[in-house]
Protein backbone atom coordinates (compact mmCIF):
# COMPACT_ATOMS: atom_id res chain seq x y z
CA UNK A 1 0.09 -0.13 0.07
CA UNK A 2 1.14 3.63 -0.74
CA UNK A 3 1.88 6.36 1.63
CA UNK A 4 -1.31 7.84 2.89
CA UNK A 5 -1.29 11.78 2.29
CA UNK A 6 -1.78 14.23 5.10
CA UNK A 7 -4.76 16.46 5.26
CA UNK A 8 -2.55 19.56 4.86
CA UNK A 9 -1.14 18.10 1.68
CA UNK A 10 -4.60 17.27 0.38
CA UNK A 11 -5.92 20.86 1.07
CA UNK A 12 -2.96 22.48 -0.80
CA UNK A 13 -3.42 20.29 -3.86
CA UNK A 14 -7.47 20.62 -3.84
CA UNK A 15 -6.96 24.40 -3.42
CA UNK A 16 -4.79 24.51 -6.62
CA UNK A 17 -7.18 22.09 -8.77
CA UNK A 18 -10.23 24.29 -7.75
CA UNK A 19 -8.60 27.58 -8.65
CA UNK A 20 -7.27 26.26 -11.83
CA UNK A 21 -10.58 24.59 -12.70
CA UNK A 22 -12.58 27.94 -11.94
CA UNK A 23 -10.08 29.77 -14.26
CA UNK A 24 -10.47 27.32 -17.14
CA UNK A 25 -14.09 26.75 -16.74
CA UNK A 26 -16.65 29.04 -18.53
CA UNK A 27 -19.58 28.01 -16.42
CA UNK A 28 -17.98 27.11 -12.97
CA UNK A 29 -21.53 26.39 -11.38
CA UNK A 30 -22.42 23.94 -13.99
CA UNK A 31 -19.21 22.12 -14.03
CA UNK A 32 -19.91 18.73 -12.23
CA UNK A 33 -16.12 17.70 -11.65
CA UNK A 34 -15.38 21.35 -10.43
CA UNK A 35 -18.30 20.99 -7.99
CA UNK A 36 -16.96 17.50 -6.73
CA UNK A 37 -13.43 18.83 -6.26
CA UNK A 38 -14.87 21.74 -4.04
CA UNK A 39 -16.90 19.54 -2.08
CA UNK A 40 -13.79 17.54 -1.48
CA UNK A 41 -12.01 20.74 -0.50
CA UNK A 42 -14.84 21.81 1.90
CA UNK A 43 -14.68 18.48 3.32
CA UNK A 44 -11.04 18.48 4.16
CA UNK A 45 -11.42 22.01 5.34
CA UNK A 46 -13.97 20.95 8.13
CA UNK A 47 -12.04 17.98 9.04
CA UNK A 48 -8.98 20.40 9.72
CA UNK A 49 -11.13 22.76 11.58
CA UNK A 50 -13.05 20.08 13.82
CA UNK A 51 -9.43 18.40 14.44
CA UNK A 52 -8.15 22.12 15.79
CA UNK A 53 -11.28 22.48 17.83
CA UNK A 54 -10.76 18.89 19.37
CA UNK A 55 -7.07 19.99 20.20
CA UNK A 56 -7.93 23.33 21.73
CA UNK A 57 -10.68 21.61 23.77
CA UNK A 58 -8.37 19.00 25.09
CA UNK A 59 -5.53 21.58 25.91
CA UNK A 60 -8.16 23.37 28.23
CA UNK A 61 -6.69 26.14 30.21
CA UNK A 62 -3.06 25.31 29.17
CA UNK A 63 -3.80 27.07 25.72
CA UNK A 64 -5.00 30.37 27.32
CA UNK A 65 -2.22 30.48 29.78
CA UNK A 66 0.43 29.87 27.21
């Protein structure tokens, strides 16, 4: 099995692909493949956000003091 990519690496490539797709596409809203890429990007962003919230919650008051 191949090496699994991190979410951060995935976000970078997805952002590039979405911006390139929007630049190339005449109808960005109607392009299904671009829509799927955008959904994947948002899903990855939610994952990063929820992970950061879990870490902040687990840190408790230590984060505020630091």
